[in-house]
């Protein structure tokens, strides 16, 4: 058992649908959905609310 240790994920090259920058994602893009780089993905996510 690995108990929290993960194998390195295979990364795939993609182009961000928002800024056009080349990025790597942990899944193989199939073209059916947009792919975003880390920065654009973070901008698109709704802000997290405090749990307390």
N, C-alpha and C. Protein backbone atom coordinates (compact mmCIF):
# COMPACT_ATOMS: atom_id res chain seq x y z
N UNK A 1 0.84 -1.19 0.00
CA UNK A 1 0.00 0.00 0.00
C UNK A 1 0.87 1.24 0.00
N UNK A 2 0.35 2.31 -0.60
CA UNK A 2 1.15 3.51 -0.72
C UNK A 2 0.89 4.51 0.41
N UNK A 3 -0.27 4.48 1.03
CA UNK A 3 -0.60 5.38 2.13
C UNK A 3 -0.27 6.83 1.82
N UNK A 4 -0.89 7.37 0.79
CA UNK A 4 -0.75 8.78 0.46
C UNK A 4 0.34 9.10 -0.54
N UNK A 5 1.26 8.19 -0.77
CA UNK A 5 2.29 8.46 -1.78
C UNK A 5 1.69 8.19 -3.14
N UNK A 6 1.94 9.09 -4.05
CA UNK A 6 1.40 8.93 -5.40
C UNK A 6 2.53 8.76 -6.39
N UNK A 7 2.24 8.00 -7.40
CA UNK A 7 3.17 7.88 -8.51
C UNK A 7 3.12 9.19 -9.29
N UNK A 8 4.21 9.58 -9.90
CA UNK A 8 4.16 10.79 -10.74
C UNK A 8 3.15 10.60 -11.86
N UNK A 9 2.34 11.62 -12.09
CA UNK A 9 1.32 11.52 -13.14
C UNK A 9 1.93 11.83 -14.49
N UNK A 10 1.41 11.18 -15.49
CA UNK A 10 1.84 11.48 -16.85
C UNK A 10 1.21 12.81 -17.26
N UNK A 11 2.03 13.73 -17.71
CA UNK A 11 1.55 15.05 -18.09
C UNK A 11 1.46 15.16 -19.61
N UNK A 12 0.50 15.94 -20.08
CA UNK A 12 0.27 16.10 -21.51
C UNK A 12 0.29 17.58 -21.85
N UNK A 13 0.89 17.91 -22.97
CA UNK A 13 0.96 19.31 -23.42
C UNK A 13 -0.40 19.75 -23.96
N UNK A 14 -0.73 21.00 -23.68
CA UNK A 14 -1.99 21.58 -24.15
C UNK A 14 -1.78 23.08 -24.33
N UNK A 15 -2.75 23.73 -24.93
CA UNK A 15 -2.72 25.18 -25.09
C UNK A 15 -3.93 25.74 -24.34
N UNK A 16 -3.68 26.71 -23.48
CA UNK A 16 -4.74 27.32 -22.68
C UNK A 16 -5.77 27.98 -23.59
N UNK A 17 -7.05 27.69 -23.35
CA UNK A 17 -8.13 28.24 -24.16
C UNK A 17 -8.34 29.73 -23.91
N UNK A 18 -7.82 30.24 -22.80
CA UNK A 18 -8.04 31.65 -22.48
C UNK A 18 -6.87 32.54 -22.91
N UNK A 19 -5.64 32.18 -22.53
CA UNK A 19 -4.50 33.06 -22.83
C UNK A 19 -3.62 32.55 -23.96
N UNK A 20 -3.81 31.31 -24.41
CA UNK A 20 -3.05 30.77 -25.52
C UNK A 20 -1.67 30.25 -25.16
N UNK A 21 -1.34 30.28 -23.87
CA UNK A 21 -0.03 29.82 -23.41
C UNK A 21 0.03 28.29 -23.40
N UNK A 22 1.18 27.73 -23.76
CA UNK A 22 1.35 26.28 -23.68
C UNK A 22 1.45 25.89 -22.22
N UNK A 23 0.79 24.79 -21.86
CA UNK A 23 0.81 24.32 -20.48
C UNK A 23 0.80 22.79 -20.48
N UNK A 24 0.94 22.21 -19.30
CA UNK A 24 0.87 20.76 -19.15
C UNK A 24 -0.27 20.43 -18.20
N UNK A 25 -1.02 19.41 -18.54
CA UNK A 25 -2.15 18.98 -17.72
C UNK A 25 -2.04 17.48 -17.44
N UNK A 26 -2.61 17.02 -16.32
CA UNK A 26 -2.49 15.60 -15.94
C UNK A 26 -3.50 14.68 -16.62
N UNK A 27 -4.05 15.10 -17.75
CA UNK A 27 -4.98 14.27 -18.52
C UNK A 27 -4.74 14.55 -19.99
N UNK A 28 -5.19 13.66 -20.84
CA UNK A 28 -4.99 13.83 -22.28
C UNK A 28 -6.17 14.61 -22.84
N UNK A 29 -5.95 15.86 -23.26
CA UNK A 29 -7.05 16.66 -23.81
C UNK A 29 -7.60 16.02 -25.08
N UNK A 30 -8.93 15.95 -25.18
CA UNK A 30 -9.53 15.33 -26.37
C UNK A 30 -10.20 16.36 -27.28
N UNK A 31 -10.12 17.64 -26.91
CA UNK A 31 -10.70 18.69 -27.75
C UNK A 31 -12.16 18.96 -27.50
N UNK A 32 -12.82 18.16 -26.68
CA UNK A 32 -14.25 18.36 -26.45
C UNK A 32 -14.52 19.43 -25.39
N UNK A 33 -13.52 19.75 -24.57
CA UNK A 33 -13.67 20.75 -23.52
C UNK A 33 -12.45 21.65 -23.51
N UNK A 34 -12.60 22.91 -23.10
CA UNK A 34 -11.45 23.81 -23.05
C UNK A 34 -10.47 23.39 -21.95
N UNK A 35 -9.20 23.70 -22.17
CA UNK A 35 -8.15 23.43 -21.19
C UNK A 35 -7.58 24.78 -20.78
N UNK A 36 -7.34 24.96 -19.48
CA UNK A 36 -6.81 26.22 -18.97
C UNK A 36 -5.49 25.98 -18.25
N UNK A 37 -4.58 26.96 -18.38
CA UNK A 37 -3.33 26.89 -17.63
C UNK A 37 -3.66 27.13 -16.15
N UNK A 38 -2.68 26.92 -15.30
CA UNK A 38 -2.90 27.06 -13.85
C UNK A 38 -3.42 28.45 -13.48
N UNK A 39 -2.84 29.49 -14.06
CA UNK A 39 -3.24 30.85 -13.71
C UNK A 39 -4.68 31.15 -14.16
N UNK A 40 -5.01 30.80 -15.40
CA UNK A 40 -6.36 31.06 -15.90
C UNK A 40 -7.39 30.20 -15.18
N UNK A 41 -7.04 28.98 -14.85
CA UNK A 41 -7.96 28.11 -14.12
C UNK A 41 -8.27 28.71 -12.75
N UNK A 42 -7.23 29.22 -12.08
CA UNK A 42 -7.43 29.82 -10.76
C UNK A 42 -8.32 31.06 -10.86
N UNK A 43 -8.18 31.85 -11.93
CA UNK A 43 -9.01 33.05 -12.11
C UNK A 43 -10.47 32.68 -12.34
N UNK A 44 -10.73 31.55 -12.97
CA UNK A 44 -12.09 31.15 -13.32
C UNK A 44 -12.83 30.51 -12.16
N UNK A 45 -12.10 29.98 -11.19
CA UNK A 45 -12.75 29.32 -10.05
C UNK A 45 -13.42 30.35 -9.15
N UNK A 46 -14.58 30.03 -8.61
CA UNK A 46 -15.20 30.96 -7.66
C UNK A 46 -14.35 31.03 -6.39
N UNK A 47 -14.33 32.17 -5.71
CA UNK A 47 -13.53 32.27 -4.49
C UNK A 47 -14.00 31.28 -3.43
N UNK A 48 -13.04 30.76 -2.68
CA UNK A 48 -13.39 29.81 -1.62
C UNK A 48 -13.93 30.56 -0.42
N UNK A 49 -14.97 30.02 0.18
CA UNK A 49 -15.53 30.62 1.38
C UNK A 49 -14.90 29.96 2.59
N UNK A 50 -14.75 30.73 3.65
CA UNK A 50 -14.24 30.16 4.89
C UNK A 50 -15.24 29.16 5.43
N UNK A 51 -14.73 28.07 5.97
CA UNK A 51 -15.62 27.04 6.51
C UNK A 51 -16.06 27.36 7.92
N UNK A 52 -15.48 28.36 8.54
CA UNK A 52 -15.80 28.66 9.94
C UNK A 52 -16.48 29.99 10.07
